[in-house]
Amino acid sequence: MDIYVSNLSPYVLGEDLKKQFSKFGVVSSANIIIDKYTNRSRGFGFVTMPNDAEAEKAILEMDGSSLDGKAIAASKARPREEKTNRSSYNSRW
């Protein structure tokens, strides 16, 4: 299961997320989303846990907990939506 984690401190790394969520089971990946222009954390990331029961427990325990001095939010990740082309040029033709 993919877990969406938000309200992260800019100093939290993927390894920090992995360490925290590993308390509840196996973590196959933990990634912080980085802004491509500033190369800084965007304040959210994703944790992947293969066991759904462990992931659910991690969400319950980690949602609202403190990480690097900030109360984080954790929830089941939703599927990524397709981006639409909003260009007015393309929509007229």
PDB file of N, CA and C in Angstrom:
ATOM      1  N   MET A   1       0.852  -1.181   0.000  1.00  0.00           N
ATOM      2  CA  MET A   1       0.000   0.000   0.000  1.00  0.00           C
ATOM      3  C   MET A   1       0.889   1.233   0.000  1.00  0.00           C
ATOM      4  N   ASP A   2       0.480   2.230  -0.756  1.00  0.00           N
ATOM      5  CA  ASP A   2       1.183   3.507  -0.769  1.00  0.00           C
ATOM      6  C   ASP A   2       0.539   4.435   0.250  1.00  0.00           C
ATOM      7  N   ILE A   3       1.383   5.098   1.034  1.00  0.00           N
ATOM      8  CA  ILE A   3       0.930   6.009   2.077  1.00  0.00           C
ATOM      9  C   ILE A   3       1.417   7.414   1.731  1.00  0.00           C
ATOM     10  N   TYR A   4       0.495   8.363   1.753  1.00  0.00           N
ATOM     11  CA  TYR A   4       0.808   9.770   1.511  1.00  0.00           C
ATOM     12  C   TYR A   4       1.108  10.410   2.857  1.00  0.00           C
ATOM     13  N   VAL A   5       2.260  11.062   2.968  1.00  0.00           N
ATOM     14  CA  VAL A   5       2.671  11.703   4.212  1.00  0.00           C
ATOM     15  C   VAL A   5       2.910  13.178   3.923  1.00  0.00           C
ATOM     16  N   SER A   6       2.212  14.047   4.653  1.00  0.00           N
ATOM     17  CA  SER A   6       2.332  15.487   4.379  1.00  0.00           C
ATOM     18  C   SER A   6       2.669  16.265   5.652  1.00  0.00           C
ATOM     19  N   ASN A   7       2.867  17.558   5.465  1.00  0.00           N
ATOM     20  CA  ASN A   7       3.271  18.497   6.507  1.00  0.00           C
ATOM     21  C   ASN A   7       4.647  18.140   7.066  1.00  0.00           C
ATOM     22  N   LEU A   8       5.532  17.738   6.166  1.00  0.00           N
ATOM     23  CA  LEU A   8       6.887  17.360   6.579  1.00  0.00           C
ATOM     24  C   LEU A   8       7.790  18.580   6.684  1.00  0.00           C
ATOM     25  N   SER A   9       8.676  18.537   7.642  1.00  0.00           N
ATOM     26  CA  SER A   9       9.714  19.547   7.775  1.00  0.00           C
ATOM     27  C   SER A   9      10.608  19.490   6.535  1.00  0.00           C
ATOM     28  N   PRO A  10      11.151  20.608   6.104  1.00  0.00           N
ATOM     29  CA  PRO A  10      12.044  20.578   4.941  1.00  0.00           C
ATOM     30  C   PRO A  10      13.327  19.792   5.184  1.00  0.00           C
ATOM     31  N   TYR A  11      13.587  19.432   6.424  1.00  0.00           N
ATOM     32  CA  TYR A  11      14.816  18.716   6.762  1.00  0.00           C
ATOM     33  C   TYR A  11      14.627  17.202   6.846  1.00  0.00           C
ATOM     34  N   VAL A  12      13.380  16.724   6.703  1.00  0.00           N
ATOM     35  CA  VAL A  12      13.114  15.289   6.756  1.00  0.00           C
ATOM     36  C   VAL A  12      13.551  14.652   5.443  1.00  0.00           C
ATOM     37  N   LEU A  13      14.276  13.549   5.548  1.00  0.00           N
ATOM     38  CA  LEU A  13      14.759  12.808   4.383  1.00  0.00           C
ATOM     39  C   LEU A  13      13.973  11.504   4.232  1.00  0.00           C
ATOM     40  N   GLY A  14      14.104  10.885   3.079  1.00  0.00           N
ATOM     41  CA  GLY A  14      13.458   9.598   2.836  1.00  0.00           C
ATOM     42  C   GLY A  14      13.850   8.565   3.874  1.00  0.00           C
ATOM     43  N   GLU A  15      15.115   8.576   4.284  1.00  0.00           N
ATOM     44  CA  GLU A  15      15.587   7.634   5.302  1.00  0.00           C
ATOM     45  C   GLU A  15      14.891   7.857   6.642  1.00  0.00           C
ATOM     46  N   ASP A  16      14.576   9.115   6.955  1.00  0.00           N
ATOM     47  CA  ASP A  16      13.857   9.420   8.200  1.00  0.00           C
ATOM     48  C   ASP A  16      12.452   8.823   8.156  1.00  0.00           C
ATOM     49  N   LEU A  17      11.786   8.970   7.028  1.00  0.00           N
ATOM     50  CA  LEU A  17      10.450   8.389   6.868  1.00  0.00           C
ATOM     51  C   LEU A  17      10.507   6.873   6.983  1.00  0.00           C
ATOM     52  N   LYS A  18      11.480   6.281   6.316  1.00  0.00           N
ATOM     53  CA  LYS A  18      11.615   4.824   6.342  1.00  0.00           C
ATOM     54  C   LYS A  18      11.820   4.338   7.774  1.00  0.00           C
ATOM     55  N   LYS A  19      12.661   5.021   8.519  1.00  0.00           N
ATOM     56  CA  LYS A  19      12.942   4.636   9.902  1.00  0.00           C
ATOM     57  C   LYS A  19      11.669   4.700  10.753  1.00  0.00           C
ATOM     58  N   GLN A  20      10.900   5.764  10.607  1.00  0.00           N
ATOM     59  CA  GLN A  20       9.687   5.923  11.408  1.00  0.00           C
ATOM     60  C   GLN A  20       8.624   4.880  11.058  1.00  0.00           C
ATOM     61  N   PHE A  21       8.416   4.630   9.765  1.00  0.00           N
ATOM     62  CA  PHE A  21       7.368   3.702   9.343  1.00  0.00           C
ATOM     63  C   PHE A  21       7.802   2.243   9.499  1.00  0.00           C
ATOM     64  N   SER A  22       9.088   1.981   9.563  1.00  0.00           N
ATOM     65  CA  SER A  22       9.587   0.621   9.757  1.00  0.00           C
ATOM     66  C   SER A  22       9.224   0.063  11.126  1.00  0.00           C
ATOM     67  N   LYS A  23       8.844   0.916  12.040  1.00  0.00           N
ATOM     68  CA  LYS A  23       8.416   0.467  13.368  1.00  0.00           C
ATOM     69  C   LYS A  23       7.148  -0.392  13.268  1.00  0.00           C
ATOM     70  N   PHE A  24       6.426  -0.260  12.153  1.00  0.00           N
ATOM     71  CA  PHE A  24       5.148  -0.947  11.998  1.00  0.00           C
ATOM     72  C   PHE A  24       5.213  -2.112  11.012  1.00  0.00           C
ATOM     73  N   GLY A  25       6.347  -2.296  10.360  1.00  0.00           N
ATOM     74  CA  GLY A  25       6.502  -3.400   9.421  1.00  0.00           C
ATOM     75  C   GLY A  25       7.515  -3.070   8.331  1.00  0.00           C
ATOM     76  N   VAL A  26       7.487  -3.871   7.288  1.00  0.00           N
ATOM     77  CA  VAL A  26       8.432  -3.730   6.185  1.00  0.00           C
ATOM     78  C   VAL A  26       8.071  -2.510   5.329  1.00  0.00           C
ATOM     79  N   VAL A  27       9.074  -1.691   5.048  1.00  0.00           N
ATOM     80  CA  VAL A  27       8.921  -0.536   4.158  1.00  0.00           C
ATOM     81  C   VAL A  27       9.752  -0.806   2.918  1.00  0.00           C
ATOM     82  N   SER A  28       9.095  -0.885   1.767  1.00  0.00           N
ATOM     83  CA  SER A  28       9.850  -1.168   0.542  1.00  0.00           C
ATOM     84  C   SER A  28      10.429   0.100  -0.078  1.00  0.00           C
ATOM     85  N   SER A  29       9.801   1.259   0.182  1.00  0.00           N
ATOM     86  CA  SER A  29      10.387   2.523  -0.285  1.00  0.00           C
ATOM     87  C   SER A  29       9.802   3.691   0.502  1.00  0.00           C
ATOM     88  N   ALA A  30      10.579   4.762   0.581  1.00  0.00           N
ATOM     89  CA  ALA A  30      10.155   5.997   1.235  1.00  0.00           C
ATOM     90  C   ALA A  30      10.808   7.149   0.470  1.00  0.00           C
ATOM     91  N   ASN A  31       9.987   8.022  -0.094  1.00  0.00           N
ATOM     92  CA  ASN A  31      10.509   9.106  -0.928  1.00  0.00           C
ATOM     93  C   ASN A  31       9.905  10.447  -0.546  1.00  0.00           C
ATOM     94  N   ILE A  32      10.742  11.450  -0.506  1.00  0.00           N
ATOM     95  CA  ILE A  32      10.307  12.823  -0.312  1.00  0.00           C
ATOM     96  C   ILE A  32      10.210  13.453  -1.698  1.00  0.00           C
ATOM     97  N   ILE A  33       9.156  14.192  -1.961  1.00  0.00           N
ATOM     98  CA  ILE A  33       8.995  14.848  -3.259  1.00  0.00           C
ATOM     99  C   ILE A  33       9.776  16.160  -3.238  1.00  0.00           C
ATOM    100  N   ILE A  34      10.623  16.330  -4.238  1.00  0.00           N
ATOM    101  CA  ILE A  34      11.517  17.487  -4.342  1.00  0.00           C
ATOM    102  C   ILE A  34      11.042  18.404  -5.472  1.00  0.00           C
ATOM    103  N   ASP A  35      11.025  19.702  -5.207  1.00  0.00           N
ATOM    104  CA  ASP A  35      10.669  20.685  -6.229  1.00  0.00           C
ATOM    105  C   ASP A  35      11.771  20.717  -7.282  1.00  0.00           C
ATOM    106  N   LYS A  36      11.394  20.590  -8.553  1.00  0.00           N
ATOM    107  CA  LYS A  36      12.414  20.509  -9.606  1.00  0.00           C
ATOM    108  C   LYS A  36      13.118  21.838  -9.873  1.00  0.00           C
ATOM    109  N   TYR A  37      12.535  22.948  -9.460  1.00  0.00           N
ATOM    110  CA  TYR A  37      13.168  24.247  -9.699  1.00  0.00           C
ATOM    111  C   TYR A  37      14.072  24.687  -8.553  1.00  0.00           C
ATOM    112  N   THR A  38      13.634  24.437  -7.313  1.00  0.00           N
ATOM    113  CA  THR A  38      14.411  24.877  -6.154  1.00  0.00           C
ATOM    114  C   THR A  38      15.262  23.762  -5.555  1.00  0.00           C
ATOM    115  N   ASN A  39      14.982  22.511  -5.942  1.00  0.00           N
ATOM    116  CA  ASN A  39      15.679  21.345  -5.415  1.00  0.00           C
ATOM    117  C   ASN A  39      15.494  21.189  -3.903  1.00  0.00           C
ATOM    118  N   ARG A  40      14.342  21.685  -3.391  1.00  0.00           N
ATOM    119  CA  ARG A  40      14.004  21.577  -1.976  1.00  0.00           C
ATOM    120  C   ARG A  40      12.762  20.713  -1.809  1.00  0.00           C
ATOM    121  N   SER A  41      12.597  20.210  -0.605  1.00  0.00           N
ATOM    122  CA  SER A  41      11.435  19.392  -0.287  1.00  0.00           C
ATOM    123  C   SER A  41      10.155  20.186  -0.496  1.00  0.00           C
ATOM    124  N   ARG A  42       9.129  19.508  -1.041  1.00  0.00           N
ATOM    125  CA  ARG A  42       7.822  20.141  -1.204  1.00  0.00           C
ATOM    126  C   ARG A  42       6.942  19.906   0.020  1.00  0.00           C
ATOM    127  N   GLY A  43       7.480  19.231   1.035  1.00  0.00           N
ATOM    128  CA  GLY A  43       6.760  19.053   2.292  1.00  0.00           C
ATOM    129  C   GLY A  43       5.872  17.822   2.343  1.00  0.00           C
ATOM    130  N   PHE A  44       6.013  16.946   1.355  1.00  0.00           N
ATOM    131  CA  PHE A  44       5.256  15.701   1.389  1.00  0.00           C
ATOM    132  C   PHE A  44       6.047  14.593   0.729  1.00  0.00           C
ATOM    133  N   GLY A  45       5.588  13.364   0.961  1.00  0.00           N
ATOM    134  CA  GLY A  45       6.275  12.219   0.395  1.00  0.00           C
ATOM    135  C   GLY A  45       5.380  10.989   0.417  1.00  0.00           C
ATOM    136  N   PHE A  46       5.952   9.868   0.016  1.00  0.00           N
ATOM    137  CA  PHE A  46       5.215   8.611  -0.064  1.00  0.00           C
ATOM    138  C   PHE A  46       6.033   7.490   0.552  1.00  0.00           C
ATOM    139  N   VAL A  47       5.337   6.628   1.276  1.00  0.00           N
ATOM    140  CA  VAL A  47       5.929   5.433   1.863  1.00  0.00           C
ATOM    141  C   VAL A  47       5.178   4.244   1.281  1.00  0.00           C
ATOM    142  N   THR A  48       5.901   3.227   0.838  1.00  0.00           N
ATOM    143  CA  THR A  48       5.272   2.021   0.317  1.00  0.00           C
ATOM    144  C   THR A  48       5.537   0.864   1.274  1.00  0.00           C
ATOM    145  N   MET A  49       4.432   0.251   1.708  1.00  0.00           N
ATOM    146  CA  MET A  49       4.515  -0.912   2.592  1.00  0.00           C
ATOM    147  C   MET A  49       3.744  -2.051   1.932  1.00  0.00           C
ATOM    148  N   PRO A  50       4.396  -3.203   1.683  1.00  0.00           N
ATOM    149  CA  PRO A  50       3.736  -4.291   0.967  1.00  0.00           C
ATOM    150  C   PRO A  50       2.594  -4.962   1.733  1.00  0.00           C
ATOM    151  N   ASN A  51       2.631  -4.931   3.059  1.00  0.00           N
ATOM    152  CA  ASN A  51       1.595  -5.567   3.867  1.00  0.00           C
ATOM    153  C   ASN A  51       0.537  -4.523   4.237  1.00  0.00           C
ATOM    154  N   ASP A  52      -0.697  -4.696   3.744  1.00  0.00           N
ATOM    155  CA  ASP A  52      -1.763  -3.717   3.970  1.00  0.00           C
ATOM    156  C   ASP A  52      -2.116  -3.549   5.446  1.00  0.00           C
ATOM    157  N   ALA A  53      -2.109  -4.619   6.207  1.00  0.00           N
ATOM    158  CA  ALA A  53      -2.438  -4.532   7.634  1.00  0.00           C
ATOM    159  C   ALA A  53      -1.396  -3.689   8.367  1.00  0.00           C
ATOM    160  N   GLU A  54      -0.127  -3.894   8.046  1.00  0.00           N
ATOM    161  CA  GLU A  54       0.939  -3.096   8.660  1.00  0.00           C
ATOM    162  C   GLU A  54       0.823  -1.634   8.233  1.00  0.00           C
ATOM    163  N   ALA A  55       0.485  -1.417   6.969  1.00  0.00           N
ATOM    164  CA  ALA A  55       0.334  -0.051   6.461  1.00  0.00           C
ATOM    165  C   ALA A  55      -0.812   0.671   7.154  1.00  0.00           C
ATOM    166  N   GLU A  56      -1.932  -0.015   7.347  1.00  0.00           N
ATOM    167  CA  GLU A  56      -3.082   0.592   8.028  1.00  0.00           C
ATOM    168  C   GLU A  56      -2.715   0.974   9.462  1.00  0.00           C
ATOM    169  N   LYS A  57      -2.000   0.087  10.144  1.00  0.00           N
ATOM    170  CA  LYS A  57      -1.565   0.383  11.516  1.00  0.00           C
ATOM    171  C   LYS A  57      -0.618   1.579  11.533  1.00  0.00           C
ATOM    172  N   ALA A  58       0.286   1.633  10.567  1.00  0.00           N
ATOM    173  CA  ALA A  58       1.226   2.755  10.479  1.00  0.00           C
ATOM    174  C   ALA A  58       0.474   4.069  10.257  1.00  0.00           C
ATOM    175  N   ILE A  59      -0.535   4.052   9.398  1.00  0.00           N
ATOM    176  CA  ILE A  59      -1.320   5.265   9.145  1.00  0.00           C
ATOM    177  C   ILE A  59      -1.997   5.725  10.431  1.00  0.00           C
ATOM    178  N   LEU A  60      -2.642   4.789  11.139  1.00  0.00           N
ATOM    179  CA  LEU A  60      -3.332   5.141  12.387  1.00  0.00           C
ATOM    180  C   LEU A  60      -2.378   5.728  13.424  1.00  0.00           C
ATOM    181  N   GLU A  61      -1.200   5.131  13.535  1.00  0.00           N
ATOM    182  CA  GLU A  61      -0.245   5.568  14.554  1.00  0.00           C
ATOM    183  C   GLU A  61       0.512   6.843  14.159  1.00  0.00           C
ATOM    184  N   MET A  62       0.831   6.978  12.879  1.00  0.00           N
ATOM    185  CA  MET A  62       1.664   8.105  12.448  1.00  0.00           C
ATOM    186  C   MET A  62       0.868   9.379  12.152  1.00  0.00           C
ATOM    187  N   ASP A  63      -0.397   9.255  11.792  1.00  0.00           N
ATOM    188  CA  ASP A  63      -1.209  10.436  11.493  1.00  0.00           C
ATOM    189  C   ASP A  63      -1.340  11.295  12.755  1.00  0.00           C
ATOM    190  N   GLY A  64      -0.848  12.513  12.682  1.00  0.00           N
ATOM    191  CA  GLY A  64      -0.884  13.425  13.819  1.00  0.00           C
ATOM    192  C   GLY A  64       0.326  13.334  14.731  1.00  0.00           C
ATOM    193  N   SER A  65       1.215  12.380  14.468  1.00  0.00           N
ATOM    194  CA  SER A  65       2.411  12.258  15.304  1.00  0.00           C
ATOM    195  C   SER A  65       3.427  13.332  14.918  1.00  0.00           C
ATOM    196  N   SER A  66       4.409  13.522  15.767  1.00  0.00           N
ATOM    197  CA  SER A  66       5.427  14.544  15.541  1.00  0.00           C
ATOM    198  C   SER A  66       6.674  13.934  14.890  1.00  0.00           C
ATOM    199  N   LEU A  67       7.141  14.606  13.854  1.00  0.00           N
ATOM    200  CA  LEU A  67       8.382  14.207  13.190  1.00  0.00           C
ATOM    201  C   LEU A  67       9.176  15.476  12.910  1.00  0.00           C
ATOM    202  N   ASP A  68      10.346  15.572  13.490  1.00  0.00           N
ATOM    203  CA  ASP A  68      11.208  16.750  13.368  1.00  0.00           C
ATOM    204  C   ASP A  68      10.472  18.018  13.798  1.00  0.00           C
ATOM    205  N   GLY A  69       9.683  17.895  14.858  1.00  0.00           N
ATOM    206  CA  GLY A  69       9.015  19.051  15.437  1.00  0.00           C
ATOM    207  C   GLY A  69       7.713  19.472  14.768  1.00  0.00           C
ATOM    208  N   LYS A  70       7.229  18.713  13.787  1.00  0.00           N
ATOM    209  CA  LYS A  70       5.967  19.057  13.120  1.00  0.00           C
ATOM    210  C   LYS A  70       5.005  17.883  13.196  1.00  0.00           C
ATOM    211  N   ALA A  71       3.728  18.200  13.378  1.00  0.00           N
ATOM    212  CA  ALA A  71       2.696  17.157  13.375  1.00  0.00           C
ATOM    213  C   ALA A  71       2.431  16.779  11.923  1.00  0.00           C
ATOM    214  N   ILE A  72       2.707  15.539  11.574  1.00  0.00           N
ATOM    215  CA  ILE A  72       2.551  15.095  10.187  1.00  0.00           C
ATOM    216  C   ILE A  72       1.163  14.500   9.970  1.00  0.00           C
ATOM    217  N   ALA A  73       0.770  14.404   8.720  1.00  0.00           N
ATOM    218  CA  ALA A  73      -0.480  13.758   8.339  1.00  0.00           C
ATOM    219  C   ALA A  73      -0.128  12.540   7.491  1.00  0.00           C
ATOM    220  N   ALA A  74      -0.798  11.424   7.750  1.00  0.00           N
ATOM    221  CA  ALA A  74      -0.568  10.197   6.980  1.00  0.00           C
ATOM    222  C   ALA A  74      -1.918   9.631   6.565  1.00  0.00           C
ATOM    223  N   SER A  75      -2.017   9.237   5.299  1.00  0.00           N
ATOM    224  CA  SER A  75      -3.255   8.657   4.787  1.00  0.00           C
ATOM    225  C   SER A  75      -2.935   7.746   3.610  1.00  0.00           C
ATOM    226  N   LYS A  76      -3.913   6.931   3.255  1.00  0.00           N
ATOM    227  CA  LYS A  76      -3.746   6.064   2.087  1.00  0.00           C
ATOM    228  C   LYS A  76      -3.646   6.956   0.857  1.00  0.00           C
ATOM    229  N   ALA A  77      -2.639   6.696   0.031  1.00  0.00           N
ATOM    230  CA  ALA A  77      -2.423   7.515  -1.167  1.00  0.00           C
ATOM    231  C   ALA A  77      -3.511   7.226  -2.196  1.00  0.00           C
ATOM    232  N   ARG A  78      -3.979   8.273  -2.853  1.00  0.00           N
ATOM    233  CA  ARG A  78      -4.948   8.120  -3.939  1.00  0.00           C
ATOM    234  C   ARG A  78      -4.190   7.976  -5.244  1.00  0.00           C
ATOM    235  N   PRO A  79      -4.806   7.318  -6.235  1.00  0.00           N
ATOM    236  CA  PRO A  79      -4.147   7.201  -7.546  1.00  0.00           C
ATOM    237  C   PRO A  79      -3.906   8.586  -8.146  1.00  0.00           C
ATOM    238  N   ARG A  80      -2.808   8.708  -8.834  1.00  0.00           N
ATOM    239  CA  ARG A  80      -2.463   9.979  -9.465  1.00  0.00           C
ATOM    240  C   ARG A  80      -3.410  10.265 -10.620  1.00  0.00           C
ATOM    241  N   GLU A  81      -3.912  11.495 -10.674  1.00  0.00           N
ATOM    242  CA  GLU A  81      -4.820  11.888 -11.749  1.00  0.00           C
ATOM    243  C   GLU A  81      -4.022  12.351 -12.953  1.00  0.00           C
ATOM    244  N   GLU A  82      -4.559  12.080 -14.124  1.00  0.00           N
ATOM    245  CA  GLU A  82      -3.934  12.530 -15.364  1.00  0.00           C
ATOM    246  C   GLU A  82      -4.043  14.053 -15.465  1.00  0.00           C
ATOM    247  N   LYS A  83      -2.987  14.680 -15.922  1.00  0.00           N
ATOM    248  CA  LYS A  83      -3.019  16.125 -16.145  1.00  0.00           C
ATOM    249  C   LYS A  83      -3.711  16.399 -17.469  1.00  0.00           C
ATOM    250  N   THR A  84      -4.475  17.480 -17.497  1.00  0.00           N
ATOM    251  CA  THR A  84      -5.123  17.877 -18.736  1.00  0.00           C
ATOM    252  C   THR A  84      -4.379  19.070 -19.315  1.00  0.00           C
ATOM    253  N   ASN A  85      -4.396  19.179 -20.611  1.00  0.00           N
ATOM    254  CA  ASN A  85      -3.755  20.306 -21.271  1.00  0.00           C
ATOM    255  C   ASN A  85      -4.722  21.474 -21.240  1.00  0.00           C
ATOM    256  N   ARG A  86      -4.374  22.521 -20.529  1.00  0.00           N
ATOM    257  CA  ARG A  86      -5.262  23.666 -20.361  1.00  0.00           C
ATOM    258  C   ARG A  86      -4.924  24.812 -21.295  1.00  0.00           C
ATOM    259  N   SER A  87      -4.102  24.549 -22.252  1.00  0.00           N
ATOM    260  CA  SER A  87      -3.704  25.600 -23.178  1.00  0.00           C
ATOM    261  C   SER A  87      -4.908  26.085 -23.971  1.00  0.00           C
ATOM    262  N   SER A  88      -5.146  27.385 -23.985  1.00  0.00           N
ATOM    263  CA  SER A  88      -6.287  27.932 -24.734  1.00  0.00           C
ATOM    264  C   SER A  88      -6.083  27.763 -26.229  1.00  0.00           C
ATOM    265  N   TYR A  89      -4.820  27.725 -26.663  1.00  0.00           N
ATOM    266  CA  TYR A  89      -4.544  27.549 -28.078  1.00  0.00           C
ATOM    267  C   TYR A  89      -5.050  26.193 -28.549  1.00  0.00           C
ATOM    268  N   ASN A  90      -4.724  25.142 -27.804  1.00  0.00           N
ATOM    269  CA  ASN A  90      -5.139  23.796 -28.179  1.00  0.00           C
ATOM    270  C   ASN A  90      -6.629  23.594 -28.065  1.00  0.00           C
ATOM    271  N   SER A  91      -7.283  24.261 -27.141  1.00  0.00           N
ATOM    272  CA  SER A  91      -8.710  24.015 -26.944  1.00  0.00           C
ATOM    273  C   SER A  91      -9.556  24.662 -28.041  1.00  0.00           C
ATOM    274  N   ARG A  92      -9.014  25.651 -28.743  1.00  0.00           N
ATOM    275  CA  ARG A  92      -9.778  26.302 -29.812  1.00  0.00           C
ATOM    276  C   ARG A  92      -9.726  25.511 -31.108  1.00  0.00           C
ATOM    277  N   TRP A  93      -8.736  24.673 -31.261  1.00  0.00           N
ATOM    278  CA  TRP A  93      -8.590  23.978 -32.536  1.00  0.00           C
ATOM    279  C   TRP A  93      -8.877  22.563 -32.320  1.00  0.00           C
TER     280      TRP A  93
END
